[in-house]
Amino acid sequence: MPRYLSMIRIDEQNAPAEGPSDELMARMGELIEEMTKAGVLLDTSGLKPTAEGTRVRWEGGEMSVTDGPFTEAKEVVGGYAMLQAKDKAEAVEWTKRFLQIHEAHWTVTCEVREIVEG
């Protein structure tokens, strides 16, 4: 079965300052358990803010290293889920369920891409 990476994108500047509510975390835990039991979820995690990150760039034969935060970025990867699904449509359906557990004041985008095997 193919694997997919669902990259969870957030706008750090407009994310709720208090972070996820206890209710959201409970719903997320339930969905993660369901996805794990279904054999779909291989791995998932949130990422620390860009303020704690570093970008390493290779361009024109030159290396640059920049410490965060990366304020010029509108959306950043805030987490990921590694899925194993029968096809892209199934991976997208699970991703939609993940987005729907968020409260209305969240703005979250997920990009689902198949992983190249071999």
PDB file of N, CA and C in Angstrom:
ATOM      1  N   MET A   1       0.846  -1.194   0.000  1.00  0.00           N
ATOM      2  CA  MET A   1       0.000   0.000   0.000  1.00  0.00           C
ATOM      3  C   MET A   1       0.881   1.244   0.000  1.00  0.00           C
ATOM      4  N   PRO A   2       0.473   2.258  -0.739  1.00  0.00           N
ATOM      5  CA  PRO A   2       1.272   3.481  -0.780  1.00  0.00           C
ATOM      6  C   PRO A   2       1.231   4.242   0.542  1.00  0.00           C
ATOM      7  N   ARG A   3       2.276   5.014   0.753  1.00  0.00           N
ATOM      8  CA  ARG A   3       2.348   5.883   1.936  1.00  0.00           C
ATOM      9  C   ARG A   3       2.205   7.326   1.499  1.00  0.00           C
ATOM     10  N   TYR A   4       1.652   8.134   2.395  1.00  0.00           N
ATOM     11  CA  TYR A   4       1.406   9.544   2.124  1.00  0.00           C
ATOM     12  C   TYR A   4       1.874  10.367   3.304  1.00  0.00           C
ATOM     13  N   LEU A   5       2.385  11.551   3.007  1.00  0.00           N
ATOM     14  CA  LEU A   5       2.744  12.501   4.050  1.00  0.00           C
ATOM     15  C   LEU A   5       1.717  13.623   4.025  1.00  0.00           C
ATOM     16  N   SER A   6       1.057  13.825   5.137  1.00  0.00           N
ATOM     17  CA  SER A   6       0.133  14.939   5.288  1.00  0.00           C
ATOM     18  C   SER A   6       0.862  15.999   6.106  1.00  0.00           C
ATOM     19  N   MET A   7       1.267  17.078   5.431  1.00  0.00           N
ATOM     20  CA  MET A   7       1.976  18.169   6.098  1.00  0.00           C
ATOM     21  C   MET A   7       0.944  19.164   6.615  1.00  0.00           C
ATOM     22  N   ILE A   8       0.963  19.389   7.900  1.00  0.00           N
ATOM     23  CA  ILE A   8      -0.010  20.252   8.555  1.00  0.00           C
ATOM     24  C   ILE A   8       0.560  21.661   8.592  1.00  0.00           C
ATOM     25  N   ARG A   9      -0.067  22.550   7.836  1.00  0.00           N
ATOM     26  CA  ARG A   9       0.419  23.928   7.716  1.00  0.00           C
ATOM     27  C   ARG A   9      -0.450  24.862   8.554  1.00  0.00           C
ATOM     28  N   ILE A  10       0.220  25.743   9.288  1.00  0.00           N
ATOM     29  CA  ILE A  10      -0.471  26.741  10.102  1.00  0.00           C
ATOM     30  C   ILE A  10       0.157  28.103   9.865  1.00  0.00           C
ATOM     31  N   ASP A  11      -0.588  29.140  10.193  1.00  0.00           N
ATOM     32  CA  ASP A  11      -0.076  30.508  10.186  1.00  0.00           C
ATOM     33  C   ASP A  11       0.298  30.818  11.631  1.00  0.00           C
ATOM     34  N   GLU A  12       1.585  30.775  11.941  1.00  0.00           N
ATOM     35  CA  GLU A  12       2.026  30.983  13.324  1.00  0.00           C
ATOM     36  C   GLU A  12       1.596  32.340  13.876  1.00  0.00           C
ATOM     37  N   GLN A  13       1.493  33.341  13.001  1.00  0.00           N
ATOM     38  CA  GLN A  13       1.138  34.693  13.457  1.00  0.00           C
ATOM     39  C   GLN A  13      -0.316  34.775  13.918  1.00  0.00           C
ATOM     40  N   ASN A  14      -1.178  33.899  13.370  1.00  0.00           N
ATOM     41  CA  ASN A  14      -2.601  33.956  13.692  1.00  0.00           C
ATOM     42  C   ASN A  14      -3.129  32.722  14.407  1.00  0.00           C
ATOM     43  N   ALA A  15      -2.251  31.831  14.814  1.00  0.00           N
ATOM     44  CA  ALA A  15      -2.684  30.653  15.561  1.00  0.00           C
ATOM     45  C   ALA A  15      -3.116  31.080  16.970  1.00  0.00           C
ATOM     46  N   PRO A  16      -4.072  30.386  17.550  1.00  0.00           N
ATOM     47  CA  PRO A  16      -4.490  30.738  18.912  1.00  0.00           C
ATOM     48  C   PRO A  16      -3.307  30.733  19.880  1.00  0.00           C
ATOM     49  N   ALA A  17      -3.147  31.831  20.593  1.00  0.00           N
ATOM     50  CA  ALA A  17      -2.002  31.981  21.501  1.00  0.00           C
ATOM     51  C   ALA A  17      -1.971  30.903  22.573  1.00  0.00           C
ATOM     52  N   GLU A  18      -3.146  30.460  22.989  1.00  0.00           N
ATOM     53  CA  GLU A  18      -3.223  29.450  24.050  1.00  0.00           C
ATOM     54  C   GLU A  18      -2.964  28.045  23.537  1.00  0.00           C
ATOM     55  N   GLY A  19      -2.845  27.901  22.224  1.00  0.00           N
ATOM     56  CA  GLY A  19      -2.605  26.582  21.639  1.00  0.00           C
ATOM     57  C   GLY A  19      -3.884  25.765  21.593  1.00  0.00           C
ATOM     58  N   PRO A  20      -3.762  24.475  21.344  1.00  0.00           N
ATOM     59  CA  PRO A  20      -4.940  23.611  21.260  1.00  0.00           C
ATOM     60  C   PRO A  20      -5.646  23.493  22.608  1.00  0.00           C
ATOM     61  N   SER A  21      -6.965  23.496  22.562  1.00  0.00           N
ATOM     62  CA  SER A  21      -7.755  23.334  23.786  1.00  0.00           C
ATOM     63  C   SER A  21      -7.681  21.887  24.267  1.00  0.00           C
ATOM     64  N   ASP A  22      -8.044  21.664  25.511  1.00  0.00           N
ATOM     65  CA  ASP A  22      -8.082  20.306  26.054  1.00  0.00           C
ATOM     66  C   ASP A  22      -9.059  19.448  25.256  1.00  0.00           C
ATOM     67  N   GLU A  23     -10.173  20.052  24.841  1.00  0.00           N
ATOM     68  CA  GLU A  23     -11.171  19.320  24.065  1.00  0.00           C
ATOM     69  C   GLU A  23     -10.612  18.894  22.713  1.00  0.00           C
ATOM     70  N   LEU A  24      -9.875  19.814  22.045  1.00  0.00           N
ATOM     71  CA  LEU A  24      -9.261  19.480  20.760  1.00  0.00           C
ATOM     72  C   LEU A  24      -8.250  18.355  20.938  1.00  0.00           C
ATOM     73  N   MET A  25      -7.445  18.430  21.970  1.00  0.00           N
ATOM     74  CA  MET A  25      -6.445  17.389  22.208  1.00  0.00           C
ATOM     75  C   MET A  25      -7.111  16.040  22.469  1.00  0.00           C
ATOM     76  N   ALA A  26      -8.247  16.048  23.164  1.00  0.00           N
ATOM     77  CA  ALA A  26      -8.979  14.802  23.415  1.00  0.00           C
ATOM     78  C   ALA A  26      -9.513  14.229  22.100  1.00  0.00           C
ATOM     79  N   ARG A  27     -10.110  15.089  21.259  1.00  0.00           N
ATOM     80  CA  ARG A  27     -10.620  14.617  19.966  1.00  0.00           C
ATOM     81  C   ARG A  27      -9.477  14.106  19.086  1.00  0.00           C
ATOM     82  N   MET A  28      -8.345  14.799  19.146  1.00  0.00           N
ATOM     83  CA  MET A  28      -7.190  14.383  18.363  1.00  0.00           C
ATOM     84  C   MET A  28      -6.694  13.016  18.842  1.00  0.00           C
ATOM     85  N   GLY A  29      -6.653  12.825  20.140  1.00  0.00           N
ATOM     86  CA  GLY A  29      -6.238  11.532  20.694  1.00  0.00           C
ATOM     87  C   GLY A  29      -7.147  10.403  20.248  1.00  0.00           C
ATOM     88  N   GLU A  30      -8.464  10.658  20.223  1.00  0.00           N
ATOM     89  CA  GLU A  30      -9.419   9.648  19.770  1.00  0.00           C
ATOM     90  C   GLU A  30      -9.214   9.310  18.301  1.00  0.00           C
ATOM     91  N   LEU A  31      -9.013  10.340  17.466  1.00  0.00           N
ATOM     92  CA  LEU A  31      -8.803  10.104  16.038  1.00  0.00           C
ATOM     93  C   LEU A  31      -7.491   9.374  15.797  1.00  0.00           C
ATOM     94  N   ILE A  32      -6.457   9.758  16.502  1.00  0.00           N
ATOM     95  CA  ILE A  32      -5.161   9.081  16.364  1.00  0.00           C
ATOM     96  C   ILE A  32      -5.291   7.610  16.729  1.00  0.00           C
ATOM     97  N   GLU A  33      -6.023   7.321  17.796  1.00  0.00           N
ATOM     98  CA  GLU A  33      -6.239   5.923  18.204  1.00  0.00           C
ATOM     99  C   GLU A  33      -7.004   5.159  17.121  1.00  0.00           C
ATOM    100  N   GLU A  34      -8.044   5.771  16.567  1.00  0.00           N
ATOM    101  CA  GLU A  34      -8.834   5.132  15.513  1.00  0.00           C
ATOM    102  C   GLU A  34      -7.975   4.863  14.276  1.00  0.00           C
ATOM    103  N   MET A  35      -7.188   5.842  13.881  1.00  0.00           N
ATOM    104  CA  MET A  35      -6.347   5.696  12.695  1.00  0.00           C
ATOM    105  C   MET A  35      -5.256   4.640  12.908  1.00  0.00           C
ATOM    106  N   THR A  36      -4.725   4.567  14.115  1.00  0.00           N
ATOM    107  CA  THR A  36      -3.699   3.573  14.432  1.00  0.00           C
ATOM    108  C   THR A  36      -4.296   2.178  14.381  1.00  0.00           C
ATOM    109  N   LYS A  37      -5.479   2.003  14.987  1.00  0.00           N
ATOM    110  CA  LYS A  37      -6.136   0.697  14.970  1.00  0.00           C
ATOM    111  C   LYS A  37      -6.510   0.270  13.554  1.00  0.00           C
ATOM    112  N   ALA A  38      -6.833   1.228  12.690  1.00  0.00           N
ATOM    113  CA  ALA A  38      -7.178   0.930  11.295  1.00  0.00           C
ATOM    114  C   ALA A  38      -5.947   0.636  10.455  1.00  0.00           C
ATOM    115  N   GLY A  39      -4.753   0.824  11.022  1.00  0.00           N
ATOM    116  CA  GLY A  39      -3.516   0.561  10.297  1.00  0.00           C
ATOM    117  C   GLY A  39      -3.144   1.652   9.302  1.00  0.00           C
ATOM    118  N   VAL A  40      -3.777   2.816   9.420  1.00  0.00           N
ATOM    119  CA  VAL A  40      -3.546   3.920   8.487  1.00  0.00           C
ATOM    120  C   VAL A  40      -2.428   4.834   8.981  1.00  0.00           C
ATOM    121  N   LEU A  41      -2.412   5.131  10.269  1.00  0.00           N
ATOM    122  CA  LEU A  41      -1.453   6.082  10.822  1.00  0.00           C
ATOM    123  C   LEU A  41      -0.159   5.375  11.200  1.00  0.00           C
ATOM    124  N   LEU A  42       0.929   5.755  10.540  1.00  0.00           N
ATOM    125  CA  LEU A  42       2.237   5.174  10.824  1.00  0.00           C
ATOM    126  C   LEU A  42       3.017   6.017  11.823  1.00  0.00           C
ATOM    127  N   ASP A  43       2.855   7.349  11.748  1.00  0.00           N
ATOM    128  CA  ASP A  43       3.568   8.253  12.648  1.00  0.00           C
ATOM    129  C   ASP A  43       2.923   9.628  12.549  1.00  0.00           C
ATOM    130  N   THR A  44       2.967  10.374  13.629  1.00  0.00           N
ATOM    131  CA  THR A  44       2.463  11.747  13.622  1.00  0.00           C
ATOM    132  C   THR A  44       3.123  12.529  14.741  1.00  0.00           C
ATOM    133  N   SER A  45       3.246  13.837  14.539  1.00  0.00           N
ATOM    134  CA  SER A  45       3.791  14.680  15.587  1.00  0.00           C
ATOM    135  C   SER A  45       3.619  16.144  15.203  1.00  0.00           C
ATOM    136  N   GLY A  46       3.594  16.987  16.214  1.00  0.00           N
ATOM    137  CA  GLY A  46       3.642  18.426  16.006  1.00  0.00           C
ATOM    138  C   GLY A  46       5.089  18.873  15.998  1.00  0.00           C
ATOM    139  N   LEU A  47       5.321  20.070  15.483  1.00  0.00           N
ATOM    140  CA  LEU A  47       6.667  20.618  15.445  1.00  0.00           C
ATOM    141  C   LEU A  47       6.751  21.864  16.320  1.00  0.00           C
ATOM    142  N   LYS A  48       7.923  22.115  16.870  1.00  0.00           N
ATOM    143  CA  LYS A  48       8.165  23.329  17.656  1.00  0.00           C
ATOM    144  C   LYS A  48       8.028  24.547  16.741  1.00  0.00           C
ATOM    145  N   PRO A  49       7.781  25.726  17.301  1.00  0.00           N
ATOM    146  CA  PRO A  49       7.637  26.942  16.480  1.00  0.00           C
ATOM    147  C   PRO A  49       8.904  27.249  15.685  1.00  0.00           C
ATOM    148  N   THR A  50       8.735  28.016  14.600  1.00  0.00           N
ATOM    149  CA  THR A  50       9.883  28.368  13.764  1.00  0.00           C
ATOM    150  C   THR A  50      10.920  29.179  14.530  1.00  0.00           C
ATOM    151  N   ALA A  51      10.523  29.824  15.611  1.00  0.00           N
ATOM    152  CA  ALA A  51      11.478  30.579  16.425  1.00  0.00           C
ATOM    153  C   ALA A  51      12.583  29.664  16.956  1.00  0.00           C
ATOM    154  N   GLU A  52      12.296  28.375  17.048  1.00  0.00           N
ATOM    155  CA  GLU A  52      13.271  27.410  17.545  1.00  0.00           C
ATOM    156  C   GLU A  52      13.917  26.606  16.422  1.00  0.00           C
ATOM    157  N   GLY A  53      13.636  26.978  15.175  1.00  0.00           N
ATOM    158  CA  GLY A  53      14.149  26.233  14.031  1.00  0.00           C
ATOM    159  C   GLY A  53      15.308  26.927  13.351  1.00  0.00           C
ATOM    160  N   THR A  54      15.929  26.224  12.426  1.00  0.00           N
ATOM    161  CA  THR A  54      17.029  26.737  11.617  1.00  0.00           C
ATOM    162  C   THR A  54      16.824  26.283  10.177  1.00  0.00           C
ATOM    163  N   ARG A  55      17.023  27.201   9.246  1.00  0.00           N
ATOM    164  CA  ARG A  55      16.977  26.866   7.817  1.00  0.00           C
ATOM    165  C   ARG A  55      18.394  26.783   7.285  1.00  0.00           C
ATOM    166  N   VAL A  56      18.667  25.724   6.561  1.00  0.00           N
ATOM    167  CA  VAL A  56      19.955  25.547   5.901  1.00  0.00           C
ATOM    168  C   VAL A  56      19.661  25.535   4.401  1.00  0.00           C
ATOM    169  N   ARG A  57      20.310  26.442   3.664  1.00  0.00           N
ATOM    170  CA  ARG A  57      20.010  26.617   2.237  1.00  0.00           C
ATOM    171  C   ARG A  57      21.277  26.505   1.409  1.00  0.00           C
ATOM    172  N   TRP A  58      21.152  25.797   0.290  1.00  0.00           N
ATOM    173  CA  TRP A  58      22.238  25.680  -0.682  1.00  0.00           C
ATOM    174  C   TRP A  58      21.762  26.364  -1.958  1.00  0.00           C
ATOM    175  N   GLU A  59      22.479  27.404  -2.385  1.00  0.00           N
ATOM    176  CA  GLU A  59      22.077  28.139  -3.575  1.00  0.00           C
ATOM    177  C   GLU A  59      23.312  28.716  -4.244  1.00  0.00           C
ATOM    178  N   GLY A  60      23.430  28.479  -5.545  1.00  0.00           N
ATOM    179  CA  GLY A  60      24.542  29.039  -6.313  1.00  0.00           C
ATOM    180  C   GLY A  60      25.902  28.644  -5.779  1.00  0.00           C
ATOM    181  N   GLY A  61      25.998  27.441  -5.215  1.00  0.00           N
ATOM    182  CA  GLY A  61      27.275  26.975  -4.682  1.00  0.00           C
ATOM    183  C   GLY A  61      27.612  27.545  -3.316  1.00  0.00           C
ATOM    184  N   GLU A  62      26.654  28.245  -2.693  1.00  0.00           N
ATOM    185  CA  GLU A  62      26.887  28.859  -1.378  1.00  0.00           C
ATOM    186  C   GLU A  62      25.917  28.275  -0.344  1.00  0.00           C
ATOM    187  N   MET A  63      26.399  28.117   0.872  1.00  0.00           N
ATOM    188  CA  MET A  63      25.604  27.612   1.985  1.00  0.00           C
ATOM    189  C   MET A  63      25.225  28.774   2.890  1.00  0.00           C
ATOM    190  N   SER A  64      23.965  28.810   3.300  1.00  0.00           N
ATOM    191  CA  SER A  64      23.563  29.807   4.302  1.00  0.00           C
ATOM    192  C   SER A  64      22.771  29.099   5.391  1.00  0.00           C
ATOM    193  N   VAL A  65      22.924  29.599   6.595  1.00  0.00           N
ATOM    194  CA  VAL A  65      22.226  29.058   7.759  1.00  0.00           C
ATOM    195  C   VAL A  65      21.527  30.227   8.442  1.00  0.00           C
ATOM    196  N   THR A  66      20.202  30.099   8.625  1.00  0.00           N
ATOM    197  CA  THR A  66      19.408  31.174   9.220  1.00  0.00           C
ATOM    198  C   THR A  66      18.595  30.624  10.371  1.00  0.00           C
ATOM    199  N   ASP A  67      18.727  31.254  11.536  1.00  0.00           N
ATOM    200  CA  ASP A  67      17.910  30.854  12.673  1.00  0.00           C
ATOM    201  C   ASP A  67      16.546  31.524  12.602  1.00  0.00           C
ATOM    202  N   GLY A  68      15.524  30.824  13.114  1.00  0.00           N
ATOM    203  CA  GLY A  68      14.160  31.353  13.129  1.00  0.00           C
ATOM    204  C   GLY A  68      14.020  32.443  14.167  1.00  0.00           C
ATOM    205  N   PRO A  69      12.899  33.104  14.198  1.00  0.00           N
ATOM    206  CA  PRO A  69      11.666  32.764  13.474  1.00  0.00           C
ATOM    207  C   PRO A  69      11.722  33.233  12.028  1.00  0.00           C
ATOM    208  N   PHE A  70      10.870  32.652  11.217  1.00  0.00           N
ATOM    209  CA  PHE A  70      10.811  32.965   9.795  1.00  0.00           C
ATOM    210  C   PHE A  70       9.527  33.737   9.533  1.00  0.00           C
ATOM    211  N   THR A  71       9.542  35.015   9.876  1.00  0.00           N
ATOM    212  CA  THR A  71       8.342  35.840   9.839  1.00  0.00           C
ATOM    213  C   THR A  71       7.829  36.098   8.434  1.00  0.00           C
ATOM    214  N   GLU A  72       8.682  35.935   7.414  1.00  0.00           N
ATOM    215  CA  GLU A  72       8.225  36.171   6.039  1.00  0.00           C
ATOM    216  C   GLU A  72       7.324  35.061   5.536  1.00  0.00           C
ATOM    217  N   ALA A  73       7.301  33.939   6.221  1.00  0.00           N
ATOM    218  CA  ALA A  73       6.486  32.805   5.785  1.00  0.00           C
ATOM    219  C   ALA A  73       5.052  32.964   6.294  1.00  0.00           C
ATOM    220  N   LYS A  74       4.085  32.928   5.380  1.00  0.00           N
ATOM    221  CA  LYS A  74       2.674  33.020   5.762  1.00  0.00           C
ATOM    222  C   LYS A  74       2.241  31.740   6.465  1.00  0.00           C
ATOM    223  N   GLU A  75       2.544  30.601   5.862  1.00  0.00           N
ATOM    224  CA  GLU A  75       2.214  29.314   6.457  1.00  0.00           C
ATOM    225  C   GLU A  75       3.501  28.525   6.659  1.00  0.00           C
ATOM    226  N   VAL A  76       3.570  27.800   7.757  1.00  0.00           N
ATOM    227  CA  VAL A  76       4.719  26.944   8.034  1.00  0.00           C
ATOM    228  C   VAL A  76       4.209  25.555   8.384  1.00  0.00           C
ATOM    229  N   VAL A  77       5.057  24.558   8.218  1.00  0.00           N
ATOM    230  CA  VAL A  77       4.690  23.207   8.609  1.00  0.00           C
ATOM    231  C   VAL A  77       4.716  23.149  10.128  1.00  0.00           C
ATOM    232  N   GLY A  78       3.562  22.864  10.710  1.00  0.00           N
ATOM    233  CA  GLY A  78       3.448  22.808  12.161  1.00  0.00           C
ATOM    234  C   GLY A  78       3.386  21.387  12.692  1.00  0.00           C
ATOM    235  N   GLY A  79       3.305  20.423  11.781  1.00  0.00           N
ATOM    236  CA  GLY A  79       3.241  19.026  12.172  1.00  0.00           C
ATOM    237  C   GLY A  79       3.089  18.165  10.938  1.00  0.00           C
ATOM    238  N   TYR A  80       2.980  16.871  11.164  1.00  0.00           N
ATOM    239  CA  TYR A  80       2.850  15.954  10.039  1.00  0.00           C
ATOM    240  C   TYR A  80       2.145  14.682  10.481  1.00  0.00           C
ATOM    241  N   ALA A  81       1.636  13.956   9.513  1.00  0.00           N
ATOM    242  CA  ALA A  81       1.113  12.611   9.738  1.00  0.00           C
ATOM    243  C   ALA A  81       1.587  11.746   8.579  1.00  0.00           C
ATOM    244  N   MET A  82       2.156  10.604   8.889  1.00  0.00           N
ATOM    245  CA  MET A  82       2.570   9.627   7.880  1.00  0.00           C
ATOM    246  C   MET A  82       1.458   8.591   7.812  1.00  0.00           C
ATOM    247  N   LEU A  83       0.826   8.499   6.637  1.00  0.00           N
ATOM    248  CA  LEU A  83      -0.316   7.619   6.454  1.00  0.00           C
ATOM    249  C   LEU A  83       0.013   6.505   5.474  1.00  0.00           C
ATOM    250  N   GLN A  84      -0.624   5.359   5.676  1.00  0.00           N
ATOM    251  CA  GLN A  84      -0.561   4.266   4.702  1.00  0.00           C
ATOM    252  C   GLN A  84      -1.999   3.982   4.319  1.00  0.00           C
ATOM    253  N   ALA A  85      -2.331   4.227   3.076  1.00  0.00           N
ATOM    254  CA  ALA A  85      -3.710   4.103   2.627  1.00  0.00           C
ATOM    255  C   ALA A  85      -3.754   3.381   1.288  1.00  0.00           C
ATOM    256  N   LYS A  86      -4.960   2.873   0.935  1.00  0.00           N
ATOM    257  CA  LYS A  86      -5.078   2.144  -0.335  1.00  0.00           C
ATOM    258  C   LYS A  86      -4.860   3.054  -1.538  1.00  0.00           C
ATOM    259  N   ASP A  87      -5.195   4.362  -1.366  1.00  0.00           N
ATOM    260  CA  ASP A  87      -5.001   5.322  -2.448  1.00  0.00           C
ATOM    261  C   ASP A  87      -5.041   6.741  -1.882  1.00  0.00           C
ATOM    262  N   LYS A  88      -4.794   7.708  -2.748  1.00  0.00           N
ATOM    263  CA  LYS A  88      -4.757   9.111  -2.318  1.00  0.00           C
ATOM    264  C   LYS A  88      -6.104   9.569  -1.772  1.00  0.00           C
ATOM    265  N   ALA A  89      -7.196   9.095  -2.377  1.00  0.00           N
ATOM    266  CA  ALA A  89      -8.530   9.489  -1.921  1.00  0.00           C
ATOM    267  C   ALA A  89      -8.746   9.112  -0.456  1.00  0.00           C
ATOM    268  N   GLU A  90      -8.297   7.919  -0.063  1.00  0.00           N
ATOM    269  CA  GLU A  90      -8.447   7.503   1.334  1.00  0.00           C
ATOM    270  C   GLU A  90      -7.581   8.377   2.250  1.00  0.00           C
ATOM    271  N   ALA A  91      -6.360   8.672   1.825  1.00  0.00           N
ATOM    272  CA  ALA A  91      -5.476   9.537   2.625  1.00  0.00           C
ATOM    273  C   ALA A  91      -6.099  10.917   2.804  1.00  0.00           C
ATOM    274  N   VAL A  92      -6.716  11.436   1.748  1.00  0.00           N
ATOM    275  CA  VAL A  92      -7.367  12.748   1.820  1.00  0.00           C
ATOM    276  C   VAL A  92      -8.573  12.694   2.768  1.00  0.00           C
ATOM    277  N   GLU A  93      -9.340  11.612   2.748  1.00  0.00           N
ATOM    278  CA  GLU A  93     -10.500  11.487   3.651  1.00  0.00           C
ATOM    279  C   GLU A  93     -10.062  11.503   5.110  1.00  0.00           C
ATOM    280  N   TRP A  94      -9.007  10.775   5.453  1.00  0.00           N
ATOM    281  CA  TRP A  94      -8.501  10.796   6.828  1.00  0.00           C
ATOM    282  C   TRP A  94      -8.002  12.190   7.188  1.00  0.00           C
ATOM    283  N   THR A  95      -7.353  12.866   6.255  1.00  0.00           N
ATOM    284  CA  THR A  95      -6.858  14.222   6.496  1.00  0.00           C
ATOM    285  C   THR A  95      -8.016  15.183   6.735  1.00  0.00           C
ATOM    286  N   LYS A  96      -9.093  15.041   5.975  1.00  0.00           N
ATOM    287  CA  LYS A  96     -10.272  15.886   6.180  1.00  0.00           C
ATOM    288  C   LYS A  96     -10.858  15.675   7.571  1.00  0.00           C
ATOM    289  N   ARG A  97     -10.886  14.435   8.023  1.00  0.00           N
ATOM    290  CA  ARG A  97     -11.383  14.155   9.376  1.00  0.00           C
ATOM    291  C   ARG A  97     -10.511  14.841  10.430  1.00  0.00           C
ATOM    292  N   PHE A  98      -9.190  14.836  10.202  1.00  0.00           N
ATOM    293  CA  PHE A  98      -8.281  15.521  11.121  1.00  0.00           C
ATOM    294  C   PHE A  98      -8.599  17.015  11.172  1.00  0.00           C
ATOM    295  N   LEU A  99      -8.797  17.632  10.015  1.00  0.00           N
ATOM    296  CA  LEU A  99      -9.087  19.072   9.981  1.00  0.00           C
ATOM    297  C   LEU A  99     -10.417  19.384  10.662  1.00  0.00           C
ATOM    298  N   GLN A 100     -11.404  18.529  10.495  1.00  0.00           N
ATOM    299  CA  GLN A 100     -12.739  18.788  11.027  1.00  0.00           C
ATOM    300  C   GLN A 100     -12.831  18.721  12.549  1.00  0.00           C
ATOM    301  N   ILE A 101     -11.847  18.157  13.228  1.00  0.00           N
ATOM    302  CA  ILE A 101     -11.909  18.123  14.694  1.00  0.00           C
ATOM    303  C   ILE A 101     -11.483  19.458  15.305  1.00  0.00           C
ATOM    304  N   HIS A 102     -10.910  20.357  14.501  1.00  0.00           N
ATOM    305  CA  HIS A 102     -10.477  21.666  14.998  1.00  0.00           C
ATOM    306  C   HIS A 102     -11.669  22.608  15.181  1.00  0.00           C
ATOM    307  N   GLU A 103     -11.570  23.478  16.186  1.00  0.00           N
ATOM    308  CA  GLU A 103     -12.598  24.495  16.383  1.00  0.00           C
ATOM    309  C   GLU A 103     -12.562  25.492  15.225  1.00  0.00           C
ATOM    310  N   ALA A 104     -13.640  26.245  15.061  1.00  0.00           N
ATOM    311  CA  ALA A 104     -13.796  27.167  13.932  1.00  0.00           C
ATOM    312  C   ALA A 104     -12.737  28.273  13.916  1.00  0.00           C
ATOM    313  N   HIS A 105     -12.165  28.645  15.077  1.00  0.00           N
ATOM    314  CA  HIS A 105     -11.189  29.737  15.096  1.00  0.00           C
ATOM    315  C   HIS A 105      -9.800  29.314  14.600  1.00  0.00           C
ATOM    316  N   TRP A 106      -9.600  28.035  14.310  1.00  0.00           N
ATOM    317  CA  TRP A 106      -8.336  27.561  13.756  1.00  0.00           C
ATOM    318  C   TRP A 106      -8.345  27.703  12.236  1.00  0.00           C
ATOM    319  N   THR A 107      -7.199  28.046  11.664  1.00  0.00           N
ATOM    320  CA  THR A 107      -6.992  27.985  10.228  1.00  0.00           C
ATOM    321  C   THR A 107      -5.850  27.006  10.004  1.00  0.00           C
ATOM    322  N   VAL A 108      -6.172  25.851   9.466  1.00  0.00           N
ATOM    323  CA  VAL A 108      -5.195  24.782   9.276  1.00  0.00           C
ATOM    324  C   VAL A 108      -5.337  24.262   7.849  1.00  0.00           C
ATOM    325  N   THR A 109      -4.220  24.049   7.199  1.00  0.00           N
ATOM    326  CA  THR A 109      -4.194  23.491   5.851  1.00  0.00           C
ATOM    327  C   THR A 109      -3.308  22.257   5.880  1.00  0.00           C
ATOM    328  N   CYS A 110      -3.745  21.210   5.228  1.00  0.00           N
ATOM    329  CA  CYS A 110      -2.903  20.020   5.093  1.00  0.00           C
ATOM    330  C   CYS A 110      -2.613  19.771   3.628  1.00  0.00           C
ATOM    331  N   GLU A 111      -1.369  19.492   3.341  1.00  0.00           N
ATOM    332  CA  GLU A 111      -0.946  19.122   1.997  1.00  0.00           C
ATOM    333  C   GLU A 111      -0.637  17.634   2.015  1.00  0.00           C
ATOM    334  N   VAL A 112      -1.356  16.854   1.207  1.00  0.00           N
ATOM    335  CA  VAL A 112      -1.188  15.404   1.166  1.00  0.00           C
ATOM    336  C   VAL A 112      -0.403  15.039  -0.085  1.00  0.00           C
ATOM    337  N   ARG A 113       0.721  14.345   0.133  1.00  0.00           N
ATOM    338  CA  ARG A 113       1.568  13.955  -1.000  1.00  0.00           C
ATOM    339  C   ARG A 113       2.031  12.521  -0.825  1.00  0.00           C
ATOM    340  N   GLU A 114       2.007  11.781  -1.934  1.00  0.00           N
ATOM    341  CA  GLU A 114       2.462  10.394  -1.896  1.00  0.00           C
ATOM    342  C   GLU A 114       3.976  10.357  -1.780  1.00  0.00           C
ATOM    343  N   ILE A 115       4.464   9.394  -1.021  1.00  0.00           N
ATOM    344  CA  ILE A 115       5.900   9.211  -0.822  1.00  0.00           C
ATOM    345  C   ILE A 115       6.433   8.330  -1.940  1.00  0.00           C
ATOM    346  N   VAL A 116       7.518   8.735  -2.540  1.00  0.00           N
ATOM    347  CA  VAL A 116       8.157   7.949  -3.595  1.00  0.00           C
ATOM    348  C   VAL A 116       8.816   6.740  -2.952  1.00  0.00           C
ATOM    349  N   GLU A 117       8.447   5.571  -3.396  1.00  0.00           N
ATOM    350  CA  GLU A 117       9.010   4.329  -2.838  1.00  0.00           C
ATOM    351  C   GLU A 117      10.187   3.864  -3.678  1.00  0.00           C
ATOM    352  N   GLY A 118      11.133   3.217  -3.006  1.00  0.00           N
ATOM    353  CA  GLY A 118      12.233   2.581  -3.726  1.00  0.00           C
ATOM    354  C   GLY A 118      13.340   3.475  -3.981  1.00  0.00           C
TER     355      GLY A 118
END
